[in-house]
C-alpha atoms as a PDB file:
ATOM      1  CA  UNK A   1      85.699  32.565 -34.277  1.00  0.00           C
ATOM      2  CA  UNK A   2      87.888  31.251 -37.124  1.00  0.00           C
ATOM      3  CA  UNK A   3      84.858  29.762 -38.884  1.00  0.00           C
ATOM      4  CA  UNK A   4      82.546  32.749 -38.342  1.00  0.00           C
ATOM      5  CA  UNK A   5      81.639  35.314 -40.964  1.00  0.00           C
ATOM      6  CA  UNK A   6      84.504  37.517 -39.806  1.00  0.00           C
ATOM      7  CA  UNK A   7      87.026  34.649 -39.525  1.00  0.00           C
ATOM      8  CA  UNK A   8      89.305  32.891 -41.990  1.00  0.00           C
ATOM      9  CA  UNK A   9      86.605  30.741 -43.551  1.00  0.00           C
ATOM     10  CA  UNK A  10      82.843  30.658 -43.020  1.00  0.00           C
ATOM     11  CA  UNK A  11      81.409  27.287 -41.965  1.00  0.00           C
ATOM     12  CA  UNK A  12      77.645  27.200 -41.285  1.00  0.00           C
ATOM     13  CA  UNK A  13      76.390  25.819 -37.991  1.00  0.00           C
ATOM     14  CA  UNK A  14      74.908  22.328 -37.950  1.00  0.00           C
ATOM     15  CA  UNK A  15      71.281  22.392 -36.839  1.00  0.00           C
ATOM     16  CA  UNK A  16      70.478  20.369 -33.720  1.00  0.00           C
ATOM     17  CA  UNK A  17      69.691  17.616 -33.019  1.00  0.00           C
ATOM     18  CA  UNK A  18      72.780  16.206 -34.701  1.00  0.00           C
ATOM     19  CA  UNK A  19      75.174  13.325 -34.109  1.00  0.00           C
ATOM     20  CA  UNK A  20      78.872  12.771 -34.580  1.00  0.00           C
ATOM     21  CA  UNK A  21      78.419  11.766 -38.227  1.00  0.00           C
ATOM     22  CA  UNK A  22      76.553  14.997 -38.970  1.00  0.00           C
ATOM     23  CA  UNK A  23      79.295  17.061 -37.370  1.00  0.00           C
ATOM     24  CA  UNK A  24      82.074  15.147 -39.113  1.00  0.00           C
ATOM     25  CA  UNK A  25      80.340  15.529 -42.484  1.00  0.00           C
ATOM     26  CA  UNK A  26      80.200  19.312 -42.076  1.00  0.00           C
ATOM     27  CA  UNK A  27      83.966  19.696 -41.491  1.00  0.00           C
ATOM     28  CA  UNK A  28      85.598  21.786 -44.238  1.00  0.00           C
ATOM     29  CA  UNK A  29      89.209  21.208 -45.375  1.00  0.00           C
ATOM     30  CA  UNK A  30      90.518  24.432 -46.893  1.00  0.00           C
ATOM     31  CA  UNK A  31      93.954  25.357 -48.258  1.00  0.00           C
ATOM     32  CA  UNK A  32      95.131  28.824 -47.253  1.00  0.00           C
ATOM     33  CA  UNK A  33      98.761  29.121 -48.383  1.00  0.00           C
ATOM     34  CA  UNK A  34      99.224  32.463 -46.633  1.00  0.00           C
ATOM     35  CA  UNK A  35      98.492  30.761 -43.341  1.00  0.00           C
ATOM     36  CA  UNK A  36      99.724  27.180 -43.693  1.00  0.00           C
ATOM     37  CA  UNK A  37     101.081  24.837 -46.342  1.00  0.00           C
ATOM     38  CA  UNK A  38      98.854  22.081 -44.980  1.00  0.00           C
ATOM     39  CA  UNK A  39      95.068  22.097 -45.454  1.00  0.00           C
ATOM     40  CA  UNK A  40      93.194  23.535 -42.496  1.00  0.00           C
ATOM     41  CA  UNK A  41      90.109  21.710 -41.267  1.00  0.00           C
ATOM     42  CA  UNK A  42      87.430  24.011 -39.909  1.00  0.00           C
ATOM     43  CA  UNK A  43      85.088  22.440 -37.375  1.00  0.00           C
ATOM     44  CA  UNK A  44      81.445  23.578 -37.556  1.00  0.00           C
ATOM     45  CA  UNK A  45      79.484  24.797 -34.593  1.00  0.00           C
ATOM     46  CA  UNK A  46      76.039  23.531 -33.712  1.00  0.00           C
ATOM     47  CA  UNK A  47      72.897  25.472 -32.857  1.00  0.00           C
ATOM     48  CA  UNK A  48      69.248  24.952 -32.120  1.00  0.00           C
ATOM     49  CA  UNK A  49      66.604  25.980 -34.672  1.00  0.00           C
ATOM     50  CA  UNK A  50      65.406  29.600 -34.467  1.00  0.00           C
ATOM     51  CA  UNK A  51      62.137  30.504 -32.791  1.00  0.00           C
ATOM     52  CA  UNK A  52      58.897  31.352 -34.531  1.00  0.00           C
ATOM     53  CA  UNK A  53      59.087  35.110 -34.043  1.00  0.00           C
ATOM     54  CA  UNK A  54      60.817  37.451 -36.514  1.00  0.00           C
ATOM     55  CA  UNK A  55      63.772  37.699 -34.125  1.00  0.00           C
ATOM     56  CA  UNK A  56      63.692  33.960 -33.485  1.00  0.00           C
ATOM     57  CA  UNK A  57      67.360  33.569 -34.353  1.00  0.00           C
ATOM     58  CA  UNK A  58      68.166  35.401 -31.099  1.00  0.00           C
ATOM     59  CA  UNK A  59      66.414  32.628 -29.151  1.00  0.00           C
ATOM     60  CA  UNK A  60      68.673  29.923 -30.559  1.00  0.00           C
ATOM     61  CA  UNK A  61      71.372  28.393 -28.389  1.00  0.00           C
ATOM     62  CA  UNK A  62      74.708  27.442 -29.903  1.00  0.00           C
ATOM     63  CA  UNK A  63      78.098  25.843 -29.408  1.00  0.00           C
ATOM     64  CA  UNK A  64      81.107  27.189 -31.263  1.00  0.00           C
ATOM     65  CA  UNK A  65      83.365  24.976 -33.321  1.00  0.00           C
ATOM     66  CA  UNK A  66      86.036  25.216 -30.622  1.00  0.00           C
ATOM     67  CA  UNK A  67      83.600  23.650 -28.168  1.00  0.00           C
ATOM     68  CA  UNK A  68      82.421  20.979 -30.625  1.00  0.00           C
ATOM     69  CA  UNK A  69      86.056  19.872 -30.944  1.00  0.00           C
ATOM     70  CA  UNK A  70      85.834  18.486 -27.399  1.00  0.00           C
ATOM     71  CA  UNK A  71      83.664  15.628 -28.712  1.00  0.00           C
ATOM     72  CA  UNK A  72      86.499  14.469 -30.942  1.00  0.00           C
ATOM     73  CA  UNK A  73      89.054  15.031 -28.198  1.00  0.00           C
ATOM     74  CA  UNK A  74      87.090  12.788 -25.827  1.00  0.00           C
ATOM     75  CA  UNK A  75      86.864  10.053 -28.446  1.00  0.00           C
ATOM     76  CA  UNK A  76      90.605  10.294 -29.130  1.00  0.00           C
ATOM     77  CA  UNK A  77      91.396  10.059 -25.419  1.00  0.00           C
ATOM     78  CA  UNK A  78      89.128   7.038 -25.087  1.00  0.00           C
ATOM     79  CA  UNK A  79      90.793   5.269 -28.011  1.00  0.00           C
ATOM     80  CA  UNK A  80      94.263   5.959 -26.618  1.00  0.00           C
ATOM     81  CA  UNK A  81      93.290   4.593 -23.217  1.00  0.00           C
ATOM     82  CA  UNK A  82      94.044   7.868 -21.453  1.00  0.00           C
ATOM     83  CA  UNK A  83      90.420   8.150 -20.344  1.00  0.00           C
ATOM     84  CA  UNK A  84      88.107   5.225 -19.563  1.00  0.00           C
ATOM     85  CA  UNK A  85      84.411   5.410 -20.364  1.00  0.00           C
ATOM     86  CA  UNK A  86      81.639   2.941 -19.728  1.00  0.00           C
ATOM     87  CA  UNK A  87      80.846   0.916 -22.829  1.00  0.00           C
ATOM     88  CA  UNK A  88      77.164   1.688 -22.525  1.00  0.00           C
ATOM     89  CA  UNK A  89      77.597   5.417 -21.994  1.00  0.00           C
ATOM     90  CA  UNK A  90      75.089   7.555 -23.910  1.00  0.00           C
ATOM     91  CA  UNK A  91      76.182   9.605 -26.877  1.00  0.00           C
ATOM     92  CA  UNK A  92      77.053  13.233 -26.123  1.00  0.00           C
ATOM     93  CA  UNK A  93      73.803  15.136 -25.802  1.00  0.00           C
ATOM     94  CA  UNK A  94      73.212  18.371 -27.663  1.00  0.00           C
ATOM     95  CA  UNK A  95      71.391  20.993 -25.675  1.00  0.00           C
ATOM     96  CA  UNK A  96      68.164  22.008 -27.402  1.00  0.00           C
ATOM     97  CA  UNK A  97      66.824  24.601 -24.992  1.00  0.00           C
ATOM     98  CA  UNK A  98      68.157  28.131 -24.497  1.00  0.00           C
ATOM     99  CA  UNK A  99      70.557  28.604 -21.631  1.00  0.00           C
ATOM    100  CA  UNK A 100      69.079  30.752 -18.916  1.00  0.00           C
ATOM    101  CA  UNK A 101      71.105  33.170 -16.846  1.00  0.00           C
ATOM    102  CA  UNK A 102      71.698  32.199 -13.295  1.00  0.00           C
ATOM    103  CA  UNK A 103      69.301  33.802 -10.845  1.00  0.00           C
ATOM    104  CA  UNK A 104      71.030  36.336  -8.583  1.00  0.00           C
ATOM    105  CA  UNK A 105      71.361  35.337  -4.945  1.00  0.00           C
ATOM    106  CA  UNK A 106      69.036  38.138  -3.880  1.00  0.00           C
ATOM    107  CA  UNK A 107      66.233  36.812  -6.074  1.00  0.00           C
ATOM    108  CA  UNK A 108      66.795  33.310  -4.726  1.00  0.00           C
ATOM    109  CA  UNK A 109      66.521  34.638  -1.167  1.00  0.00           C
ATOM    110  CA  UNK A 110      63.291  36.439  -2.045  1.00  0.00           C
ATOM    111  CA  UNK A 111      61.874  33.258  -3.559  1.00  0.00           C
ATOM    112  CA  UNK A 112      62.819  31.312  -0.430  1.00  0.00           C
ATOM    113  CA  UNK A 113      61.069  33.898   1.758  1.00  0.00           C
ATOM    114  CA  UNK A 114      57.944  33.768  -0.399  1.00  0.00           C
ATOM    115  CA  UNK A 115      57.882  29.983  -0.163  1.00  0.00           C
ATOM    116  CA  UNK A 116      58.364  30.123   3.618  1.00  0.00           C
ATOM    117  CA  UNK A 117      55.471  32.591   3.974  1.00  0.00           C
ATOM    118  CA  UNK A 118      53.294  30.420   1.757  1.00  0.00           C
ATOM    119  CA  UNK A 119      54.070  27.341   3.868  1.00  0.00           C
ATOM    120  CA  UNK A 120      53.420  29.313   7.057  1.00  0.00           C
ATOM    121  CA  UNK A 121      50.001  30.488   5.826  1.00  0.00           C
ATOM    122  CA  UNK A 122      49.101  26.984   4.694  1.00  0.00           C
ATOM    123  CA  UNK A 123      50.007  25.590   8.095  1.00  0.00           C
ATOM    124  CA  UNK A 124      47.877  28.256   9.811  1.00  0.00           C
ATOM    125  CA  UNK A 125      44.916  27.414   7.581  1.00  0.00           C
ATOM    126  CA  UNK A 126      45.262  23.753   8.448  1.00  0.00           C
ATOM    127  CA  UNK A 127      45.486  24.573  12.177  1.00  0.00           C
ATOM    128  CA  UNK A 128      42.318  26.688  11.987  1.00  0.00           C
ATOM    129  CA  UNK A 129      40.527  23.916  10.114  1.00  0.00           C
ATOM    130  CA  UNK A 130      41.554  21.383  12.777  1.00  0.00           C
ATOM    131  CA  UNK A 131      40.444  23.751  15.549  1.00  0.00           C
ATOM    132  CA  UNK A 132      37.013  24.279  13.967  1.00  0.00           C
ATOM    133  CA  UNK A 133      36.626  20.548  13.493  1.00  0.00           C
ATOM    134  CA  UNK A 134      37.392  19.937  17.165  1.00  0.00           C
ATOM    135  CA  UNK A 135      34.788  22.512  18.184  1.00  0.00           C
ATOM    136  CA  UNK A 136      32.198  20.847  15.968  1.00  0.00           C
ATOM    137  CA  UNK A 137      33.081  17.498  17.510  1.00  0.00           C
ATOM    138  CA  UNK A 138      32.728  18.964  21.008  1.00  0.00           C
ATOM    139  CA  UNK A 139      29.287  20.389  20.207  1.00  0.00           C
ATOM    140  CA  UNK A 140      28.214  17.039  18.814  1.00  0.00           C
ATOM    141  CA  UNK A 141      29.481  15.277  21.924  1.00  0.00           C
ATOM    142  CA  UNK A 142      27.587  17.766  24.094  1.00  0.00           C
ATOM    143  CA  UNK A 143      24.368  17.065  22.225  1.00  0.00           C
ATOM    144  CA  UNK A 144      24.939  13.313  22.540  1.00  0.00           C
ATOM    145  CA  UNK A 145      25.397  13.618  26.264  1.00  0.00           C
ATOM    146  CA  UNK A 146      29.071  12.654  26.379  1.00  0.00           C
ATOM    147  CA  UNK A 147      29.809  15.582  28.740  1.00  0.00           C
ATOM    148  CA  UNK A 148      28.535  15.315  32.326  1.00  0.00           C
ATOM    149  CA  UNK A 149      27.595  18.993  32.411  1.00  0.00           C
ATOM    150  CA  UNK A 150      28.029  22.189  30.438  1.00  0.00           C
ATOM    151  CA  UNK A 151      30.880  23.305  32.699  1.00  0.00           C
ATOM    152  CA  UNK A 152      33.056  20.409  31.463  1.00  0.00           C
ATOM    153  CA  UNK A 153      32.169  21.320  27.901  1.00  0.00           C
ATOM    154  CA  UNK A 154      33.174  24.966  28.427  1.00  0.00           C
ATOM    155  CA  UNK A 155      36.398  23.892  30.171  1.00  0.00           C
ATOM    156  CA  UNK A 156      37.270  21.620  27.243  1.00  0.00           C
ATOM    157  CA  UNK A 157      36.607  24.411  24.740  1.00  0.00           C
ATOM    158  CA  UNK A 158      38.749  26.841  26.742  1.00  0.00           C
ATOM    159  CA  UNK A 159      41.605  24.333  26.726  1.00  0.00           C
ATOM    160  CA  UNK A 160      41.222  23.897  22.977  1.00  0.00           C
ATOM    161  CA  UNK A 161      41.398  27.670  22.461  1.00  0.00           C
ATOM    162  CA  UNK A 162      44.435  27.924  24.711  1.00  0.00           C
ATOM    163  CA  UNK A 163      46.211  25.130  22.834  1.00  0.00           C
ATOM    164  CA  UNK A 164      45.321  26.689  19.502  1.00  0.00           C
ATOM    165  CA  UNK A 165      46.705  30.116  20.513  1.00  0.00           C
ATOM    166  CA  UNK A 166      49.864  28.511  21.877  1.00  0.00           C
ATOM    167  CA  UNK A 167      50.347  26.638  18.603  1.00  0.00           C
ATOM    168  CA  UNK A 168      49.969  29.889  16.674  1.00  0.00           C
ATOM    169  CA  UNK A 169      52.532  31.628  18.901  1.00  0.00           C
ATOM    170  CA  UNK A 170      54.936  28.726  18.416  1.00  0.00           C
ATOM    171  CA  UNK A 171      54.416  28.821  14.648  1.00  0.00           C
ATOM    172  CA  UNK A 172      55.054  32.578  14.502  1.00  0.00           C
ATOM    173  CA  UNK A 173      58.174  32.232  16.631  1.00  0.00           C
ATOM    174  CA  UNK A 174      59.501  29.411  14.457  1.00  0.00           C
ATOM    175  CA  UNK A 175      58.714  31.383  11.309  1.00  0.00           C
ATOM    176  CA  UNK A 176      60.531  34.495  12.575  1.00  0.00           C
ATOM    177  CA  UNK A 177      63.517  32.434  13.696  1.00  0.00           C
ATOM    178  CA  UNK A 178      63.749  30.661  10.324  1.00  0.00           C
ATOM    179  CA  UNK A 179      63.459  33.952   8.476  1.00  0.00           C
ATOM    180  CA  UNK A 180      66.182  35.521  10.606  1.00  0.00           C
ATOM    181  CA  UNK A 181      68.442  32.527   9.937  1.00  0.00           C
ATOM    182  CA  UNK A 182      67.747  32.754   6.201  1.00  0.00           C
ATOM    183  CA  UNK A 183      68.546  36.463   6.159  1.00  0.00           C
ATOM    184  CA  UNK A 184      71.769  35.872   8.078  1.00  0.00           C
ATOM    185  CA  UNK A 185      72.788  33.075   5.696  1.00  0.00           C
ATOM    186  CA  UNK A 186      71.969  35.278   2.707  1.00  0.00           C
ATOM    187  CA  UNK A 187      74.073  38.134   4.100  1.00  0.00           C
ATOM    188  CA  UNK A 188      76.976  35.744   4.746  1.00  0.00           C
ATOM    189  CA  UNK A 189      76.700  34.275   1.248  1.00  0.00           C
ATOM    190  CA  UNK A 190      76.485  37.712  -0.288  1.00  0.00           C
ATOM    191  CA  UNK A 191      79.602  38.754   1.587  1.00  0.00           C
ATOM    192  CA  UNK A 192      81.424  35.662   0.374  1.00  0.00           C
ATOM    193  CA  UNK A 193      80.255  36.292  -3.178  1.00  0.00           C
ATOM    194  CA  UNK A 194      81.471  39.858  -3.033  1.00  0.00           C
ATOM    195  CA  UNK A 195      84.866  38.793  -1.718  1.00  0.00           C
ATOM    196  CA  UNK A 196      85.120  36.045  -4.328  1.00  0.00           C
ATOM    197  CA  UNK A 197      84.005  38.297  -7.207  1.00  0.00           C
ATOM    198  CA  UNK A 198      85.890  41.315  -5.993  1.00  0.00           C
ATOM    199  CA  UNK A 199      88.031  41.237  -9.128  1.00  0.00           C
ATOM    200  CA  UNK A 200      84.856  41.408 -11.235  1.00  0.00           C
ATOM    201  CA  UNK A 201      83.274  44.318  -9.392  1.00  0.00           C
ATOM    202  CA  UNK A 202      81.576  46.732 -11.772  1.00  0.00           C
ATOM    203  CA  UNK A 203      83.808  49.539 -10.510  1.00  0.00           C
ATOM    204  CA  UNK A 204      86.786  47.676 -11.984  1.00  0.00           C
ATOM    205  CA  UNK A 205      85.316  47.596 -15.491  1.00  0.00           C
ATOM    206  CA  UNK A 206      87.461  49.884 -17.609  1.00  0.00           C
ATOM    207  CA  UNK A 207      85.759  51.852 -20.354  1.00  0.00           C
ATOM    208  CA  UNK A 208      89.139  52.591 -21.867  1.00  0.00           C
ATOM    209  CA  UNK A 209      88.486  49.687 -24.244  1.00  0.00           C
ATOM    210  CA  UNK A 210      87.124  52.346 -26.609  1.00  0.00           C
ATOM    211  CA  UNK A 211      90.721  53.462 -27.181  1.00  0.00           C
ATOM    212  CA  UNK A 212      91.756  49.980 -28.279  1.00  0.00           C
ATOM    213  CA  UNK A 213      91.783  49.697 -32.070  1.00  0.00           C
ATOM    214  CA  UNK A 214      90.757  46.041 -31.811  1.00  0.00           C
ATOM    215  CA  UNK A 215      87.365  47.258 -30.613  1.00  0.00           C
ATOM    216  CA  UNK A 216      86.887  50.091 -33.100  1.00  0.00           C
ATOM    217  CA  UNK A 217      83.346  48.971 -33.854  1.00  0.00           C
ATOM    218  CA  UNK A 218      82.399  52.236 -35.552  1.00  0.00           C
ATOM    219  CA  UNK A 219      84.966  51.871 -38.327  1.00  0.00           C
ATOM    220  CA  UNK A 220      84.209  48.168 -38.612  1.00  0.00           C
ATOM    221  CA  UNK A 221      80.497  48.906 -38.879  1.00  0.00           C
ATOM    222  CA  UNK A 222      81.124  51.267 -41.798  1.00  0.00           C
ATOM    223  CA  UNK A 223      82.670  48.380 -43.710  1.00  0.00           C
ATOM    224  CA  UNK A 224      80.279  45.649 -42.528  1.00  0.00           C
ATOM    225  CA  UNK A 225      76.925  47.332 -42.081  1.00  0.00           C
ATOM    226  CA  UNK A 226      74.963  44.143 -42.686  1.00  0.00           C
ATOM    227  CA  UNK A 227      76.215  42.681 -39.403  1.00  0.00           C
ATOM    228  CA  UNK A 228      74.606  45.534 -37.482  1.00  0.00           C
ATOM    229  CA  UNK A 229      71.252  45.427 -39.236  1.00  0.00           C
ATOM    230  CA  UNK A 230      69.159  43.155 -37.018  1.00  0.00           C
ATOM    231  CA  UNK A 231      65.498  42.103 -37.062  1.00  0.00           C
ATOM    232  CA  UNK A 232      62.904  44.038 -35.144  1.00  0.00           C
ATOM    233  CA  UNK A 233      63.397  44.215 -31.370  1.00  0.00           C
ATOM    234  CA  UNK A 234      60.603  42.787 -29.217  1.00  0.00           C
ATOM    235  CA  UNK A 235      60.376  44.169 -25.689  1.00  0.00           C
ATOM    236  CA  UNK A 236      59.740  41.772 -22.779  1.00  0.00           C
ATOM    237  CA  UNK A 237      56.170  40.612 -22.390  1.00  0.00           C
ATOM    238  CA  UNK A 238      54.112  43.082 -20.370  1.00  0.00           C
ATOM    239  CA  UNK A 239      56.444  46.025 -21.031  1.00  0.00           C
ATOM    240  CA  UNK A 240      54.486  48.682 -22.949  1.00  0.00           C
ATOM    241  CA  UNK A 241      56.405  51.885 -22.276  1.00  0.00           C
ATOM    242  CA  UNK A 242      58.469  51.834 -25.449  1.00  0.00           C
ATOM    243  CA  UNK A 243      62.090  52.848 -25.670  1.00  0.00           C
ATOM    244  CA  UNK A 244      63.606  54.509 -22.605  1.00  0.00           C
ATOM    245  CA  UNK A 245      67.275  55.406 -22.642  1.00  0.00           C
ATOM    246  CA  UNK A 246      69.078  53.429 -19.933  1.00  0.00           C
ATOM    247  CA  UNK A 247      72.209  54.988 -18.505  1.00  0.00           C
ATOM    248  CA  UNK A 248      75.178  53.584 -16.620  1.00  0.00           C
ATOM    249  CA  UNK A 249      74.530  53.027 -12.940  1.00  0.00           C
ATOM    250  CA  UNK A 250      70.867  52.041 -12.979  1.00  0.00           C
ATOM    251  CA  UNK A 251      69.486  48.543 -12.416  1.00  0.00           C
ATOM    252  CA  UNK A 252      66.986  47.019 -14.828  1.00  0.00           C
ATOM    253  CA  UNK A 253      64.596  44.099 -14.547  1.00  0.00           C
ATOM    254  CA  UNK A 254      65.712  40.560 -15.306  1.00  0.00           C
ATOM    255  CA  UNK A 255      63.284  40.385 -18.246  1.00  0.00           C
ATOM    256  CA  UNK A 256      65.502  42.793 -20.185  1.00  0.00           C
ATOM    257  CA  UNK A 257      68.582  40.570 -20.035  1.00  0.00           C
ATOM    258  CA  UNK A 258      67.069  37.150 -20.654  1.00  0.00           C
ATOM    259  CA  UNK A 259      68.941  34.736 -22.895  1.00  0.00           C
ATOM    260  CA  UNK A 260      67.019  35.820 -26.005  1.00  0.00           C
ATOM    261  CA  UNK A 261      68.676  39.257 -25.698  1.00  0.00           C
ATOM    262  CA  UNK A 262      72.231  38.029 -25.175  1.00  0.00           C
ATOM    263  CA  UNK A 263      74.999  38.903 -27.612  1.00  0.00           C
ATOM    264  CA  UNK A 264      76.746  35.551 -27.573  1.00  0.00           C
ATOM    265  CA  UNK A 265      79.671  36.558 -29.797  1.00  0.00           C
ATOM    266  CA  UNK A 266      80.731  40.132 -28.915  1.00  0.00           C
ATOM    267  CA  UNK A 267      83.840  39.911 -31.104  1.00  0.00           C
ATOM    268  CA  UNK A 268      81.624  39.613 -34.174  1.00  0.00           C
ATOM    269  CA  UNK A 269      80.609  43.234 -33.499  1.00  0.00           C
ATOM    270  CA  UNK A 270      84.041  44.271 -32.247  1.00  0.00           C
ATOM    271  CA  UNK A 271      82.947  44.483 -28.630  1.00  0.00           C
ATOM    272  CA  UNK A 272      85.367  43.585 -25.820  1.00  0.00           C
ATOM    273  CA  UNK A 273      84.789  40.269 -24.047  1.00  0.00           C
ATOM    274  CA  UNK A 274      82.503  40.313 -21.025  1.00  0.00           C
ATOM    275  CA  UNK A 275      83.989  38.466 -18.068  1.00  0.00           C
ATOM    276  CA  UNK A 276      82.592  36.976 -14.893  1.00  0.00           C
ATOM    277  CA  UNK A 277      78.920  37.761 -14.329  1.00  0.00           C
ATOM    278  CA  UNK A 278      78.878  40.447 -17.033  1.00  0.00           C
ATOM    279  CA  UNK A 279      77.145  39.967 -20.363  1.00  0.00           C
ATOM    280  CA  UNK A 280      76.459  42.121 -23.391  1.00  0.00           C
ATOM    281  CA  UNK A 281      72.752  42.321 -24.230  1.00  0.00           C
ATOM    282  CA  UNK A 282      70.696  44.030 -26.890  1.00  0.00           C
ATOM    283  CA  UNK A 283      68.163  46.673 -25.875  1.00  0.00           C
ATOM    284  CA  UNK A 284      66.359  48.046 -28.935  1.00  0.00           C
ATOM    285  CA  UNK A 285      69.267  49.473 -30.998  1.00  0.00           C
ATOM    286  CA  UNK A 286      71.474  49.938 -27.932  1.00  0.00           C
ATOM    287  CA  UNK A 287      73.993  47.552 -26.377  1.00  0.00           C
ATOM    288  CA  UNK A 288      74.168  47.211 -22.604  1.00  0.00           C
ATOM    289  CA  UNK A 289      76.773  45.495 -20.451  1.00  0.00           C
ATOM    290  CA  UNK A 290      74.811  43.990 -17.562  1.00  0.00           C
ATOM    291  CA  UNK A 291      75.842  42.498 -14.245  1.00  0.00           C
ATOM    292  CA  UNK A 292      73.683  39.369 -14.365  1.00  0.00           C
ATOM    293  CA  UNK A 293      73.507  39.119 -10.580  1.00  0.00           C
ATOM    294  CA  UNK A 294      71.842  42.480 -10.008  1.00  0.00           C
ATOM    295  CA  UNK A 295      70.781  43.922 -13.382  1.00  0.00           C
ATOM    296  CA  UNK A 296      73.255  46.779 -12.906  1.00  0.00           C
ATOM    297  CA  UNK A 297      74.120  48.603 -16.143  1.00  0.00           C
ATOM    298  CA  UNK A 298      77.924  48.637 -16.245  1.00  0.00           C
ATOM    299  CA  UNK A 299      78.436  50.059 -19.737  1.00  0.00           C
ATOM    300  CA  UNK A 300      76.247  51.199 -22.620  1.00  0.00           C
ATOM    301  CA  UNK A 301      76.551  52.047 -26.322  1.00  0.00           C
ATOM    302  CA  UNK A 302      73.649  53.951 -27.859  1.00  0.00           C
ATOM    303  CA  UNK A 303      72.517  53.445 -31.463  1.00  0.00           C
ATOM    304  CA  UNK A 304      74.831  50.494 -31.905  1.00  0.00           C
ATOM    305  CA  UNK A 305      72.475  48.625 -34.239  1.00  0.00           C
ATOM    306  CA  UNK A 306      70.189  50.081 -36.859  1.00  0.00           C
END
């Protein structure tokens, strides 16, 4: 924040991959008498290179300078003996792939059910294949004279069919029981999540932030229009319906709030911080506050960008 374009002094991000020497070399010592008599050292952030598309900068992942400071803090603690590290520990790794939002519990449960159905169908296919192979073996044995008479052959086939049907009934019963257990576990987990996140429920989000002068984005935009002029918006792949105005209270697909649409620094645009599972995302020229667990639109600002 202090080293951003709206802070005390602008320090560009270091492009990843970068090491400790690269970060240390990008530190800026600046004298600001109105703030402090001593020089202030601004720590740079670090970010991944932008993507290939015109809005590729939105795909980049970043760490702020405040977070980069933890590298130096860890080294200082190690030198003081307050924290012990292994001598052969690897250097701190810099993440080079975009962070993805956590998948809501409901989507995880759906994926588990799909996988269970896929396994169940595969097991049934294998059982049918085994049953057909046994019948072929029985016919071959009949032709080779390994059955005393045709009645024994028919009795053996009837037993095979009975065993096969019993196996199918057992498989269906096990599948239904596992699915019921999964649904019960999902309901219990959802209840626990709701109790745990009760303070972050979307009904508790106050839209009175618009009365707070700290978040007077309209007046700030008049003075800093370049911050709100962004590259062209690219809709999620497969979405061809164009702009549709989303209102508060609807739920949208996960493709619309992927990490490449996140607004990682709301304060830069004078937006209030998003807490818990909420996140500000860009949708065309609008800004949406999304509950990442469900896709629920908690708040919206139309024509925010231009």
